[in-house]
């Protein structure tokens, strides 16, 4: 018994030493070298990264060391050191990132980044401490959808483009208003969202069993609809963090804990069947731990990881503090 206990202690000690040796090795390098070192361990992603046509290919996530937002009790401006990135969506000119306070002491925020990196990032304060797990930009309604808070059901809320552009953090930071909300009683929470055409998809994360995505379609003649109607429900793999579309493919990101994440590639035909089984995926792409939302713009897949946040940097040596762009045709090479 003592011999077994000694061996267990030795194994844990070895794992501890290896973890921090790797972490120190990364910290001695520049951010671009760290990123390349990490991606080299994931051949599909590394190839797609090297073939990326966008410029720049990475975007630093703001606020990871300190974000100013409202404190939940006083509703006064305060420094938050625990901002954790979650949602991501990309437009022609901007990147939007949603983030929440890990300790839930502060309001959640949305960052707007200029893709050309001319204007400084803009911080927008949300009305509550929602997890804000997903974002989707709606070109038809000219708004930004965000996963918002609701009790025992999913909800997404729209922020108008005009309100985003006119929002001023200084001198008096205020909560950016929601213009419209849609409830999804069929799912316990809206963990992530995406848009395809005139349809909005909201999905729920489940740690132990398959999750679900619900789809609602807007009438083209209406700006917004709010009858809580659902066109269909789709079963998805457990621990799903995001859904995205590219041509005839549906992509699902999956992660939980400090182990490798995955990106599942499915066909539109599989999506139409109402069940996306991880074992039936056309391709499975391994990715670094703590992958959150993935978003498609043009021919690139953008990915965000929560590993750069303070409470996750200590859990993995492979932490990423950037939004990273990958060339989708390279990523989908040899999809059967």
C-alpha atoms as a PDB file:
ATOM      1  CA  UNK A   1       0.000   0.000   0.000  1.00  0.00           C
ATOM      2  CA  UNK A   2       2.844   2.375   0.922  1.00  0.00           C
ATOM      3  CA  UNK A   3       4.617   1.506  -2.338  1.00  0.00           C
ATOM      4  CA  UNK A   4       1.501   2.394  -4.367  1.00  0.00           C
ATOM      5  CA  UNK A   5       1.082   5.663  -2.452  1.00  0.00           C
ATOM      6  CA  UNK A   6       4.726   6.605  -3.073  1.00  0.00           C
ATOM      7  CA  UNK A   7       4.314   5.933  -6.796  1.00  0.00           C
ATOM      8  CA  UNK A   8       1.182   8.096  -6.963  1.00  0.00           C
ATOM      9  CA  UNK A   9       3.009  10.951  -5.213  1.00  0.00           C
ATOM     10  CA  UNK A  10       5.956  10.612  -7.603  1.00  0.00           C
ATOM     11  CA  UNK A  11       3.670  10.679 -10.639  1.00  0.00           C
ATOM     12  CA  UNK A  12       1.890  13.816  -9.429  1.00  0.00           C
ATOM     13  CA  UNK A  13       5.226  15.462  -8.646  1.00  0.00           C
ATOM     14  CA  UNK A  14       6.540  14.641 -12.121  1.00  0.00           C
ATOM     15  CA  UNK A  15       3.405  16.018 -13.762  1.00  0.00           C
ATOM     16  CA  UNK A  16       3.690  19.187 -11.667  1.00  0.00           C
ATOM     17  CA  UNK A  17       7.343  19.685 -12.645  1.00  0.00           C
ATOM     18  CA  UNK A  18       6.648  19.088 -16.339  1.00  0.00           C
ATOM     19  CA  UNK A  19       3.716  21.516 -16.310  1.00  0.00           C
ATOM     20  CA  UNK A  20       5.675  24.392 -14.818  1.00  0.00           C
ATOM     21  CA  UNK A  21       8.825  23.642 -16.826  1.00  0.00           C
ATOM     22  CA  UNK A  22       6.712  23.976 -19.969  1.00  0.00           C
ATOM     23  CA  UNK A  23       5.071  27.130 -18.671  1.00  0.00           C
ATOM     24  CA  UNK A  24       8.411  28.789 -17.871  1.00  0.00           C
ATOM     25  CA  UNK A  25       9.720  27.832 -21.311  1.00  0.00           C
ATOM     26  CA  UNK A  26       6.755  29.558 -22.962  1.00  0.00           C
ATOM     27  CA  UNK A  27       7.010  32.674 -20.803  1.00  0.00           C
ATOM     28  CA  UNK A  28      10.621  33.226 -21.868  1.00  0.00           C
ATOM     29  CA  UNK A  29       9.510  33.660 -25.476  1.00  0.00           C
ATOM     30  CA  UNK A  30       7.709  36.432 -27.354  1.00  0.00           C
ATOM     31  CA  UNK A  31       3.953  36.162 -27.910  1.00  0.00           C
ATOM     32  CA  UNK A  32       4.298  35.261 -31.607  1.00  0.00           C
ATOM     33  CA  UNK A  33       6.828  32.528 -30.806  1.00  0.00           C
ATOM     34  CA  UNK A  34       4.554  31.158 -28.084  1.00  0.00           C
ATOM     35  CA  UNK A  35       1.622  31.039 -30.503  1.00  0.00           C
ATOM     36  CA  UNK A  36       3.649  29.221 -33.160  1.00  0.00           C
ATOM     37  CA  UNK A  37       5.035  26.758 -30.608  1.00  0.00           C
ATOM     38  CA  UNK A  38       1.519  25.925 -29.476  1.00  0.00           C
ATOM     39  CA  UNK A  39       0.045  25.631 -32.973  1.00  0.00           C
ATOM     40  CA  UNK A  40       2.863  23.373 -34.168  1.00  0.00           C
ATOM     41  CA  UNK A  41       1.399  20.735 -31.870  1.00  0.00           C
ATOM     42  CA  UNK A  42      -1.821  20.835 -33.901  1.00  0.00           C
ATOM     43  CA  UNK A  43      -0.898  20.085 -37.542  1.00  0.00           C
ATOM     44  CA  UNK A  44      -4.275  20.960 -39.097  1.00  0.00           C
ATOM     45  CA  UNK A  45      -4.463  24.303 -37.325  1.00  0.00           C
ATOM     46  CA  UNK A  46      -0.799  25.095 -37.961  1.00  0.00           C
ATOM     47  CA  UNK A  47      -1.176  24.516 -41.699  1.00  0.00           C
ATOM     48  CA  UNK A  48      -4.344  26.636 -41.809  1.00  0.00           C
ATOM     49  CA  UNK A  49      -2.644  29.382 -39.798  1.00  0.00           C
ATOM     50  CA  UNK A  50       0.378  29.489 -42.096  1.00  0.00           C
ATOM     51  CA  UNK A  51      -1.965  29.738 -45.110  1.00  0.00           C
ATOM     52  CA  UNK A  52      -4.032  32.543 -43.620  1.00  0.00           C
ATOM     53  CA  UNK A  53      -4.666  35.341 -46.111  1.00  0.00           C
ATOM     54  CA  UNK A  54      -5.987  37.951 -43.673  1.00  0.00           C
ATOM     55  CA  UNK A  55      -3.808  40.713 -42.285  1.00  0.00           C
ATOM     56  CA  UNK A  56      -3.291  40.750 -39.374  1.00  0.00           C
ATOM     57  CA  UNK A  57      -3.703  37.063 -38.519  1.00  0.00           C
ATOM     58  CA  UNK A  58      -4.057  37.579 -34.768  1.00  0.00           C
ATOM     59  CA  UNK A  59      -5.833  40.151 -32.601  1.00  0.00           C
ATOM     60  CA  UNK A  60      -4.871  40.702 -28.975  1.00  0.00           C
ATOM     61  CA  UNK A  61      -7.789  40.192 -26.586  1.00  0.00           C
ATOM     62  CA  UNK A  62      -8.187  43.394 -24.537  1.00  0.00           C
ATOM     63  CA  UNK A  63      -8.836  43.506 -20.812  1.00  0.00           C
ATOM     64  CA  UNK A  64      -7.210  40.229 -19.785  1.00  0.00           C
ATOM     65  CA  UNK A  65      -5.119  41.919 -17.109  1.00  0.00           C
ATOM     66  CA  UNK A  66      -7.556  44.680 -16.193  1.00  0.00           C
ATOM     67  CA  UNK A  67     -10.940  45.810 -17.488  1.00  0.00           C
ATOM     68  CA  UNK A  68     -12.940  48.750 -16.229  1.00  0.00           C
ATOM     69  CA  UNK A  69     -16.612  47.921 -15.821  1.00  0.00           C
ATOM     70  CA  UNK A  70     -19.399  48.375 -13.274  1.00  0.00           C
ATOM     71  CA  UNK A  71     -19.218  46.678  -9.894  1.00  0.00           C
ATOM     72  CA  UNK A  72     -22.404  44.693  -9.272  1.00  0.00           C
ATOM     73  CA  UNK A  73     -23.393  46.134  -5.873  1.00  0.00           C
ATOM     74  CA  UNK A  74     -22.325  49.756  -6.108  1.00  0.00           C
ATOM     75  CA  UNK A  75     -22.943  50.053  -9.878  1.00  0.00           C
ATOM     76  CA  UNK A  76     -19.837  52.234  -9.916  1.00  0.00           C
ATOM     77  CA  UNK A  77     -16.860  51.957 -12.233  1.00  0.00           C
ATOM     78  CA  UNK A  78     -14.329  49.455 -10.923  1.00  0.00           C
ATOM     79  CA  UNK A  79     -11.255  47.528 -12.048  1.00  0.00           C
ATOM     80  CA  UNK A  80     -11.964  43.884 -12.877  1.00  0.00           C
ATOM     81  CA  UNK A  81      -8.943  41.549 -13.011  1.00  0.00           C
ATOM     82  CA  UNK A  82     -10.916  38.423 -13.822  1.00  0.00           C
ATOM     83  CA  UNK A  83     -12.451  39.164 -17.227  1.00  0.00           C
ATOM     84  CA  UNK A  84     -12.875  35.902 -19.159  1.00  0.00           C
ATOM     85  CA  UNK A  85     -13.453  35.959 -22.948  1.00  0.00           C
ATOM     86  CA  UNK A  86     -16.304  33.871 -24.341  1.00  0.00           C
ATOM     87  CA  UNK A  87     -18.135  35.050 -27.448  1.00  0.00           C
ATOM     88  CA  UNK A  88     -16.751  36.096 -30.816  1.00  0.00           C
ATOM     89  CA  UNK A  89     -18.141  37.429 -34.071  1.00  0.00           C
ATOM     90  CA  UNK A  90     -16.423  39.069 -37.032  1.00  0.00           C
ATOM     91  CA  UNK A  91     -17.568  41.645 -39.579  1.00  0.00           C
ATOM     92  CA  UNK A  92     -15.798  43.338 -42.449  1.00  0.00           C
ATOM     93  CA  UNK A  93     -14.328  46.040 -40.227  1.00  0.00           C
ATOM     94  CA  UNK A  94     -14.637  44.824 -36.654  1.00  0.00           C
ATOM     95  CA  UNK A  95     -14.168  41.957 -34.234  1.00  0.00           C
ATOM     96  CA  UNK A  96     -16.545  41.699 -31.279  1.00  0.00           C
ATOM     97  CA  UNK A  97     -15.608  39.806 -28.109  1.00  0.00           C
ATOM     98  CA  UNK A  98     -17.897  39.178 -25.138  1.00  0.00           C
ATOM     99  CA  UNK A  99     -16.483  38.504 -21.678  1.00  0.00           C
ATOM    100  CA  UNK A 100     -17.693  37.965 -18.132  1.00  0.00           C
ATOM    101  CA  UNK A 101     -16.194  38.422 -14.676  1.00  0.00           C
ATOM    102  CA  UNK A 102     -15.021  35.037 -13.359  1.00  0.00           C
ATOM    103  CA  UNK A 103     -15.876  36.020  -9.781  1.00  0.00           C
ATOM    104  CA  UNK A 104     -19.242  37.479 -10.875  1.00  0.00           C
ATOM    105  CA  UNK A 105     -18.510  40.708  -9.024  1.00  0.00           C
ATOM    106  CA  UNK A 106     -18.714  42.876 -12.134  1.00  0.00           C
ATOM    107  CA  UNK A 107     -20.920  43.439 -15.155  1.00  0.00           C
ATOM    108  CA  UNK A 108     -20.084  41.560 -18.343  1.00  0.00           C
ATOM    109  CA  UNK A 109     -18.711  43.494 -21.298  1.00  0.00           C
ATOM    110  CA  UNK A 110     -18.349  43.454 -25.069  1.00  0.00           C
ATOM    111  CA  UNK A 111     -15.148  44.645 -26.718  1.00  0.00           C
ATOM    112  CA  UNK A 112     -15.180  46.042 -30.262  1.00  0.00           C
ATOM    113  CA  UNK A 113     -11.843  45.834 -32.080  1.00  0.00           C
ATOM    114  CA  UNK A 114     -10.905  47.635 -35.265  1.00  0.00           C
ATOM    115  CA  UNK A 115      -9.552  44.991 -37.671  1.00  0.00           C
ATOM    116  CA  UNK A 116      -7.178  47.521 -39.185  1.00  0.00           C
ATOM    117  CA  UNK A 117      -6.020  48.378 -35.656  1.00  0.00           C
ATOM    118  CA  UNK A 118      -6.357  52.109 -36.281  1.00  0.00           C
ATOM    119  CA  UNK A 119      -8.978  52.898 -33.628  1.00  0.00           C
ATOM    120  CA  UNK A 120      -8.459  51.705 -30.041  1.00  0.00           C
ATOM    121  CA  UNK A 121     -10.732  48.929 -28.687  1.00  0.00           C
ATOM    122  CA  UNK A 122     -14.129  50.054 -27.409  1.00  0.00           C
ATOM    123  CA  UNK A 123     -15.580  48.575 -24.208  1.00  0.00           C
ATOM    124  CA  UNK A 124     -19.372  48.314 -23.875  1.00  0.00           C
ATOM    125  CA  UNK A 125     -20.947  47.411 -20.531  1.00  0.00           C
ATOM    126  CA  UNK A 126     -23.819  44.900 -20.470  1.00  0.00           C
ATOM    127  CA  UNK A 127     -26.795  45.194 -18.119  1.00  0.00           C
ATOM    128  CA  UNK A 128     -25.909  42.216 -15.902  1.00  0.00           C
ATOM    129  CA  UNK A 129     -23.356  39.532 -15.138  1.00  0.00           C
ATOM    130  CA  UNK A 130     -24.444  37.209 -17.928  1.00  0.00           C
ATOM    131  CA  UNK A 131     -21.955  34.577 -19.117  1.00  0.00           C
ATOM    132  CA  UNK A 132     -22.364  36.176 -22.573  1.00  0.00           C
ATOM    133  CA  UNK A 133     -21.273  32.896 -24.134  1.00  0.00           C
ATOM    134  CA  UNK A 134     -22.019  33.785 -27.738  1.00  0.00           C
ATOM    135  CA  UNK A 135     -22.197  36.630 -30.222  1.00  0.00           C
ATOM    136  CA  UNK A 136     -23.555  36.894 -33.765  1.00  0.00           C
ATOM    137  CA  UNK A 137     -23.701  39.906 -36.042  1.00  0.00           C
ATOM    138  CA  UNK A 138     -26.937  40.199 -38.004  1.00  0.00           C
ATOM    139  CA  UNK A 139     -26.429  42.079 -41.281  1.00  0.00           C
ATOM    140  CA  UNK A 140     -30.136  41.976 -42.139  1.00  0.00           C
ATOM    141  CA  UNK A 141     -31.262  43.687 -38.941  1.00  0.00           C
ATOM    142  CA  UNK A 142     -28.027  45.622 -38.420  1.00  0.00           C
ATOM    143  CA  UNK A 143     -27.592  44.438 -34.865  1.00  0.00           C
ATOM    144  CA  UNK A 144     -25.350  42.394 -32.616  1.00  0.00           C
ATOM    145  CA  UNK A 145     -26.978  39.411 -30.902  1.00  0.00           C
ATOM    146  CA  UNK A 146     -25.607  38.337 -27.512  1.00  0.00           C
ATOM    147  CA  UNK A 147     -26.523  35.450 -25.215  1.00  0.00           C
ATOM    148  CA  UNK A 148     -28.264  37.162 -22.303  1.00  0.00           C
ATOM    149  CA  UNK A 149     -29.507  36.142 -18.876  1.00  0.00           C
ATOM    150  CA  UNK A 150     -32.834  34.386 -18.220  1.00  0.00           C
ATOM    151  CA  UNK A 151     -34.162  31.947 -15.619  1.00  0.00           C
ATOM    152  CA  UNK A 152     -34.517  28.319 -16.740  1.00  0.00           C
ATOM    153  CA  UNK A 153     -34.564  29.044 -20.475  1.00  0.00           C
ATOM    154  CA  UNK A 154     -32.437  30.445 -23.249  1.00  0.00           C
ATOM    155  CA  UNK A 155     -32.504  34.089 -24.260  1.00  0.00           C
ATOM    156  CA  UNK A 156     -30.645  36.182 -26.806  1.00  0.00           C
ATOM    157  CA  UNK A 157     -30.771  39.956 -27.051  1.00  0.00           C
ATOM    158  CA  UNK A 158     -30.067  42.417 -29.843  1.00  0.00           C
ATOM    159  CA  UNK A 159     -27.931  45.553 -29.625  1.00  0.00           C
ATOM    160  CA  UNK A 160     -28.483  47.936 -32.507  1.00  0.00           C
ATOM    161  CA  UNK A 161     -25.563  48.972 -34.696  1.00  0.00           C
ATOM    162  CA  UNK A 162     -26.406  52.645 -34.170  1.00  0.00           C
ATOM    163  CA  UNK A 163     -26.207  52.182 -30.399  1.00  0.00           C
ATOM    164  CA  UNK A 164     -22.855  50.439 -30.741  1.00  0.00           C
ATOM    165  CA  UNK A 165     -21.381  53.195 -32.892  1.00  0.00           C
ATOM    166  CA  UNK A 166     -22.678  55.995 -30.666  1.00  0.00           C
ATOM    167  CA  UNK A 167     -21.713  54.327 -27.367  1.00  0.00           C
ATOM    168  CA  UNK A 168     -19.184  56.288 -25.334  1.00  0.00           C
ATOM    169  CA  UNK A 169     -17.385  54.714 -22.392  1.00  0.00           C
ATOM    170  CA  UNK A 170     -16.059  58.054 -21.190  1.00  0.00           C
ATOM    171  CA  UNK A 171     -16.759  60.313 -19.422  1.00  0.00           C
ATOM    172  CA  UNK A 172     -19.830  58.536 -18.028  1.00  0.00           C
ATOM    173  CA  UNK A 173     -19.901  54.791 -18.747  1.00  0.00           C
ATOM    174  CA  UNK A 174     -23.451  53.515 -19.059  1.00  0.00           C
ATOM    175  CA  UNK A 175     -25.085  50.182 -19.802  1.00  0.00           C
ATOM    176  CA  UNK A 176     -25.625  49.632 -23.505  1.00  0.00           C
ATOM    177  CA  UNK A 177     -29.338  48.943 -24.124  1.00  0.00           C
ATOM    178  CA  UNK A 178     -30.908  45.822 -25.576  1.00  0.00           C
ATOM    179  CA  UNK A 179     -33.314  46.688 -28.363  1.00  0.00           C
ATOM    180  CA  UNK A 180     -35.047  43.320 -28.541  1.00  0.00           C
ATOM    181  CA  UNK A 181     -34.914  39.860 -26.919  1.00  0.00           C
ATOM    182  CA  UNK A 182     -35.971  36.380 -28.017  1.00  0.00           C
ATOM    183  CA  UNK A 183     -36.697  33.570 -25.555  1.00  0.00           C
ATOM    184  CA  UNK A 184     -36.018  29.892 -26.220  1.00  0.00           C
ATOM    185  CA  UNK A 185     -38.037  27.803 -23.719  1.00  0.00           C
ATOM    186  CA  UNK A 186     -36.800  24.552 -25.309  1.00  0.00           C
ATOM    187  CA  UNK A 187     -33.233  24.969 -23.956  1.00  0.00           C
ATOM    188  CA  UNK A 188     -32.107  25.658 -20.359  1.00  0.00           C
ATOM    189  CA  UNK A 189     -29.771  28.466 -21.403  1.00  0.00           C
ATOM    190  CA  UNK A 190     -28.371  30.027 -24.553  1.00  0.00           C
ATOM    191  CA  UNK A 191     -24.684  29.164 -24.282  1.00  0.00           C
ATOM    192  CA  UNK A 192     -23.798  30.170 -27.840  1.00  0.00           C
ATOM    193  CA  UNK A 193     -25.406  31.559 -30.987  1.00  0.00           C
ATOM    194  CA  UNK A 194     -24.771  31.895 -34.696  1.00  0.00           C
ATOM    195  CA  UNK A 195     -26.567  33.153 -37.788  1.00  0.00           C
ATOM    196  CA  UNK A 196     -26.996  31.602 -41.205  1.00  0.00           C
ATOM    197  CA  UNK A 197     -28.971  33.607 -43.714  1.00  0.00           C
ATOM    198  CA  UNK A 198     -32.188  34.677 -42.021  1.00  0.00           C
ATOM    199  CA  UNK A 199     -32.033  31.970 -39.350  1.00  0.00           C
ATOM    200  CA  UNK A 200     -30.734  32.332 -35.815  1.00  0.00           C
ATOM    201  CA  UNK A 201     -29.322  29.273 -34.001  1.00  0.00           C
ATOM    202  CA  UNK A 202     -29.020  29.167 -30.191  1.00  0.00           C
ATOM    203  CA  UNK A 203     -27.307  26.260 -28.470  1.00  0.00           C
ATOM    204  CA  UNK A 204     -26.949  24.943 -24.935  1.00  0.00           C
ATOM    205  CA  UNK A 205     -23.770  23.570 -23.363  1.00  0.00           C
ATOM    206  CA  UNK A 206     -24.026  20.343 -21.379  1.00  0.00           C
ATOM    207  CA  UNK A 207     -21.057  18.862 -19.562  1.00  0.00           C
ATOM    208  CA  UNK A 208     -22.275  15.255 -19.331  1.00  0.00           C
ATOM    209  CA  UNK A 209     -24.761  14.634 -22.134  1.00  0.00           C
ATOM    210  CA  UNK A 210     -25.615  15.838 -25.625  1.00  0.00           C
ATOM    211  CA  UNK A 211     -26.578  19.462 -25.933  1.00  0.00           C
ATOM    212  CA  UNK A 212     -29.197  20.994 -28.208  1.00  0.00           C
ATOM    213  CA  UNK A 213     -29.448  23.764 -30.754  1.00  0.00           C
ATOM    214  CA  UNK A 214     -32.735  25.472 -31.582  1.00  0.00           C
ATOM    215  CA  UNK A 215     -33.323  27.331 -34.803  1.00  0.00           C
ATOM    216  CA  UNK A 216     -35.708  30.198 -35.454  1.00  0.00           C
ATOM    217  CA  UNK A 217     -36.167  31.976 -38.782  1.00  0.00           C
ATOM    218  CA  UNK A 218     -37.129  35.601 -39.186  1.00  0.00           C
ATOM    219  CA  UNK A 219     -39.758  36.649 -41.686  1.00  0.00           C
ATOM    220  CA  UNK A 220     -37.971  38.634 -44.339  1.00  0.00           C
ATOM    221  CA  UNK A 221     -40.588  41.352 -44.181  1.00  0.00           C
ATOM    222  CA  UNK A 222     -40.120  41.912 -40.445  1.00  0.00           C
ATOM    223  CA  UNK A 223     -37.299  43.609 -38.627  1.00  0.00           C
ATOM    224  CA  UNK A 224     -37.633  41.385 -35.567  1.00  0.00           C
ATOM    225  CA  UNK A 225     -39.903  38.565 -34.483  1.00  0.00           C
ATOM    226  CA  UNK A 226     -40.629  37.591 -30.897  1.00  0.00           C
ATOM    227  CA  UNK A 227     -43.165  34.796 -30.841  1.00  0.00           C
ATOM    228  CA  UNK A 228     -40.628  32.331 -29.338  1.00  0.00           C
ATOM    229  CA  UNK A 229     -41.369  29.911 -32.175  1.00  0.00           C
ATOM    230  CA  UNK A 230     -38.725  27.314 -33.039  1.00  0.00           C
ATOM    231  CA  UNK A 231     -38.366  25.823 -36.518  1.00  0.00           C
ATOM    232  CA  UNK A 232     -36.391  22.796 -35.367  1.00  0.00           C
ATOM    233  CA  UNK A 233     -34.215  21.337 -32.619  1.00  0.00           C
ATOM    234  CA  UNK A 234     -30.865  19.721 -33.368  1.00  0.00           C
ATOM    235  CA  UNK A 235     -28.951  17.351 -31.083  1.00  0.00           C
ATOM    236  CA  UNK A 236     -25.272  18.233 -30.810  1.00  0.00           C
ATOM    237  CA  UNK A 237     -22.244  16.705 -29.038  1.00  0.00           C
ATOM    238  CA  UNK A 238     -21.803  17.301 -25.328  1.00  0.00           C
ATOM    239  CA  UNK A 239     -19.567  20.155 -24.198  1.00  0.00           C
ATOM    240  CA  UNK A 240     -20.227  22.110 -27.383  1.00  0.00           C
ATOM    241  CA  UNK A 241     -19.046  25.707 -27.165  1.00  0.00           C
ATOM    242  CA  UNK A 242     -20.013  27.113 -30.574  1.00  0.00           C
ATOM    243  CA  UNK A 243     -21.481  26.481 -34.006  1.00  0.00           C
ATOM    244  CA  UNK A 244     -20.422  28.069 -37.289  1.00  0.00           C
ATOM    245  CA  UNK A 245     -21.168  27.595 -40.990  1.00  0.00           C
ATOM    246  CA  UNK A 246     -18.961  27.627 -44.068  1.00  0.00           C
ATOM    247  CA  UNK A 247     -20.327  26.689 -47.497  1.00  0.00           C
ATOM    248  CA  UNK A 248     -21.901  23.233 -47.114  1.00  0.00           C
ATOM    249  CA  UNK A 249     -20.265  22.558 -43.750  1.00  0.00           C
ATOM    250  CA  UNK A 250     -21.308  22.977 -40.124  1.00  0.00           C
ATOM    251  CA  UNK A 251     -18.525  23.341 -37.555  1.00  0.00           C
ATOM    252  CA  UNK A 252     -18.894  22.632 -33.827  1.00  0.00           C
ATOM    253  CA  UNK A 253     -16.252  23.548 -31.250  1.00  0.00           C
ATOM    254  CA  UNK A 254     -15.992  21.398 -28.143  1.00  0.00           C
ATOM    255  CA  UNK A 255     -13.931  21.945 -25.007  1.00  0.00           C
ATOM    256  CA  UNK A 256     -13.936  21.458 -21.275  1.00  0.00           C
ATOM    257  CA  UNK A 257     -10.994  21.569 -18.906  1.00  0.00           C
ATOM    258  CA  UNK A 258      -7.237  21.629 -19.632  1.00  0.00           C
ATOM    259  CA  UNK A 259      -7.332  18.878 -22.268  1.00  0.00           C
ATOM    260  CA  UNK A 260      -7.262  19.350 -26.035  1.00  0.00           C
ATOM    261  CA  UNK A 261     -10.319  20.959 -27.603  1.00  0.00           C
ATOM    262  CA  UNK A 262     -11.920  19.681 -30.803  1.00  0.00           C
ATOM    263  CA  UNK A 263     -13.581  21.131 -33.866  1.00  0.00           C
ATOM    264  CA  UNK A 264     -16.079  18.763 -35.493  1.00  0.00           C
ATOM    265  CA  UNK A 265     -16.867  19.117 -39.180  1.00  0.00           C
ATOM    266  CA  UNK A 266     -20.336  18.020 -40.335  1.00  0.00           C
ATOM    267  CA  UNK A 267     -22.172  18.277 -43.638  1.00  0.00           C
ATOM    268  CA  UNK A 268     -25.351  20.261 -44.244  1.00  0.00           C
ATOM    269  CA  UNK A 269     -27.069  16.919 -44.859  1.00  0.00           C
ATOM    270  CA  UNK A 270     -26.105  15.731 -41.375  1.00  0.00           C
ATOM    271  CA  UNK A 271     -27.376  19.010 -39.948  1.00  0.00           C
ATOM    272  CA  UNK A 272     -30.710  18.553 -41.719  1.00  0.00           C
ATOM    273  CA  UNK A 273     -31.113  15.126 -40.087  1.00  0.00           C
ATOM    274  CA  UNK A 274     -31.517  16.817 -36.712  1.00  0.00           C
ATOM    275  CA  UNK A 275     -28.637  14.998 -35.003  1.00  0.00           C
ATOM    276  CA  UNK A 276     -24.922  15.758 -35.111  1.00  0.00           C
ATOM    277  CA  UNK A 277     -23.133  12.698 -33.718  1.00  0.00           C
ATOM    278  CA  UNK A 278     -19.461  13.244 -32.905  1.00  0.00           C
ATOM    279  CA  UNK A 279     -18.636   9.725 -34.113  1.00  0.00           C
ATOM    280  CA  UNK A 280     -20.097  10.532 -37.532  1.00  0.00           C
ATOM    281  CA  UNK A 281     -18.141  13.767 -38.045  1.00  0.00           C
ATOM    282  CA  UNK A 282     -16.498  14.141 -41.453  1.00  0.00           C
ATOM    283  CA  UNK A 283     -13.353  15.392 -39.765  1.00  0.00           C
ATOM    284  CA  UNK A 284     -12.195  16.098 -36.221  1.00  0.00           C
ATOM    285  CA  UNK A 285      -9.590  18.813 -35.743  1.00  0.00           C
ATOM    286  CA  UNK A 286      -7.654  18.944 -32.491  1.00  0.00           C
ATOM    287  CA  UNK A 287      -7.114  22.361 -30.934  1.00  0.00           C
ATOM    288  CA  UNK A 288      -5.523  23.834 -27.787  1.00  0.00           C
ATOM    289  CA  UNK A 289      -7.470  23.700 -24.501  1.00  0.00           C
ATOM    290  CA  UNK A 290     -10.250  26.094 -23.547  1.00  0.00           C
ATOM    291  CA  UNK A 291     -11.505  26.860 -27.047  1.00  0.00           C
ATOM    292  CA  UNK A 292     -14.665  28.969 -26.888  1.00  0.00           C
ATOM    293  CA  UNK A 293     -16.526  30.510 -29.827  1.00  0.00           C
ATOM    294  CA  UNK A 294     -15.487  30.046 -33.437  1.00  0.00           C
ATOM    295  CA  UNK A 295     -16.717  32.461 -36.106  1.00  0.00           C
ATOM    296  CA  UNK A 296     -16.516  32.485 -39.893  1.00  0.00           C
ATOM    297  CA  UNK A 297     -15.897  35.525 -42.052  1.00  0.00           C
ATOM    298  CA  UNK A 298     -15.035  35.238 -45.738  1.00  0.00           C
ATOM    299  CA  UNK A 299     -12.642  32.267 -46.075  1.00  0.00           C
ATOM    300  CA  UNK A 300     -11.351  32.332 -42.511  1.00  0.00           C
ATOM    301  CA  UNK A 301     -12.252  30.740 -39.228  1.00  0.00           C
ATOM    302  CA  UNK A 302     -11.612  32.929 -36.196  1.00  0.00           C
ATOM    303  CA  UNK A 303     -11.134  31.292 -32.805  1.00  0.00           C
ATOM    304  CA  UNK A 304     -11.040  32.619 -29.254  1.00  0.00           C
ATOM    305  CA  UNK A 305      -9.775  30.811 -26.145  1.00  0.00           C
ATOM    306  CA  UNK A 306     -10.523  31.571 -22.509  1.00  0.00           C
ATOM    307  CA  UNK A 307      -7.085  30.239 -21.506  1.00  0.00           C
ATOM    308  CA  UNK A 308      -5.645  33.773 -21.563  1.00  0.00           C
ATOM    309  CA  UNK A 309      -7.797  34.827 -18.599  1.00  0.00           C
ATOM    310  CA  UNK A 310      -6.144  34.996 -15.186  1.00  0.00           C
ATOM    311  CA  UNK A 311      -7.997  32.030 -13.704  1.00  0.00           C
ATOM    312  CA  UNK A 312      -7.150  29.789 -16.671  1.00  0.00           C
ATOM    313  CA  UNK A 313      -3.526  30.774 -17.333  1.00  0.00           C
ATOM    314  CA  UNK A 314      -2.554  28.829 -14.235  1.00  0.00           C
ATOM    315  CA  UNK A 315      -4.356  25.718 -15.493  1.00  0.00           C
ATOM    316  CA  UNK A 316      -2.501  25.214 -18.774  1.00  0.00           C
ATOM    317  CA  UNK A 317       0.870  26.045 -20.263  1.00  0.00           C
ATOM    318  CA  UNK A 318      -0.810  26.374 -23.668  1.00  0.00           C
ATOM    319  CA  UNK A 319      -2.677  29.612 -23.022  1.00  0.00           C
ATOM    320  CA  UNK A 320      -3.595  31.921 -25.889  1.00  0.00           C
ATOM    321  CA  UNK A 321      -4.231  35.626 -25.466  1.00  0.00           C
ATOM    322  CA  UNK A 322      -5.235  36.354 -29.050  1.00  0.00           C
ATOM    323  CA  UNK A 323      -8.074  35.805 -31.464  1.00  0.00           C
ATOM    324  CA  UNK A 324      -6.492  33.651 -34.174  1.00  0.00           C
ATOM    325  CA  UNK A 325      -7.497  33.437 -37.852  1.00  0.00           C
ATOM    326  CA  UNK A 326      -7.241  30.176 -39.825  1.00  0.00           C
ATOM    327  CA  UNK A 327      -7.592  29.603 -43.569  1.00  0.00           C
ATOM    328  CA  UNK A 328     -10.744  27.508 -43.926  1.00  0.00           C
ATOM    329  CA  UNK A 329      -9.996  25.827 -47.301  1.00  0.00           C
ATOM    330  CA  UNK A 330      -6.740  24.545 -45.735  1.00  0.00           C
ATOM    331  CA  UNK A 331      -8.506  23.482 -42.559  1.00  0.00           C
ATOM    332  CA  UNK A 332     -11.132  21.542 -44.514  1.00  0.00           C
ATOM    333  CA  UNK A 333      -8.608  19.855 -46.788  1.00  0.00           C
ATOM    334  CA  UNK A 334      -9.288  16.120 -47.209  1.00  0.00           C
ATOM    335  CA  UNK A 335     -12.723  16.271 -45.632  1.00  0.00           C
ATOM    336  CA  UNK A 336     -14.430  13.049 -46.638  1.00  0.00           C
END
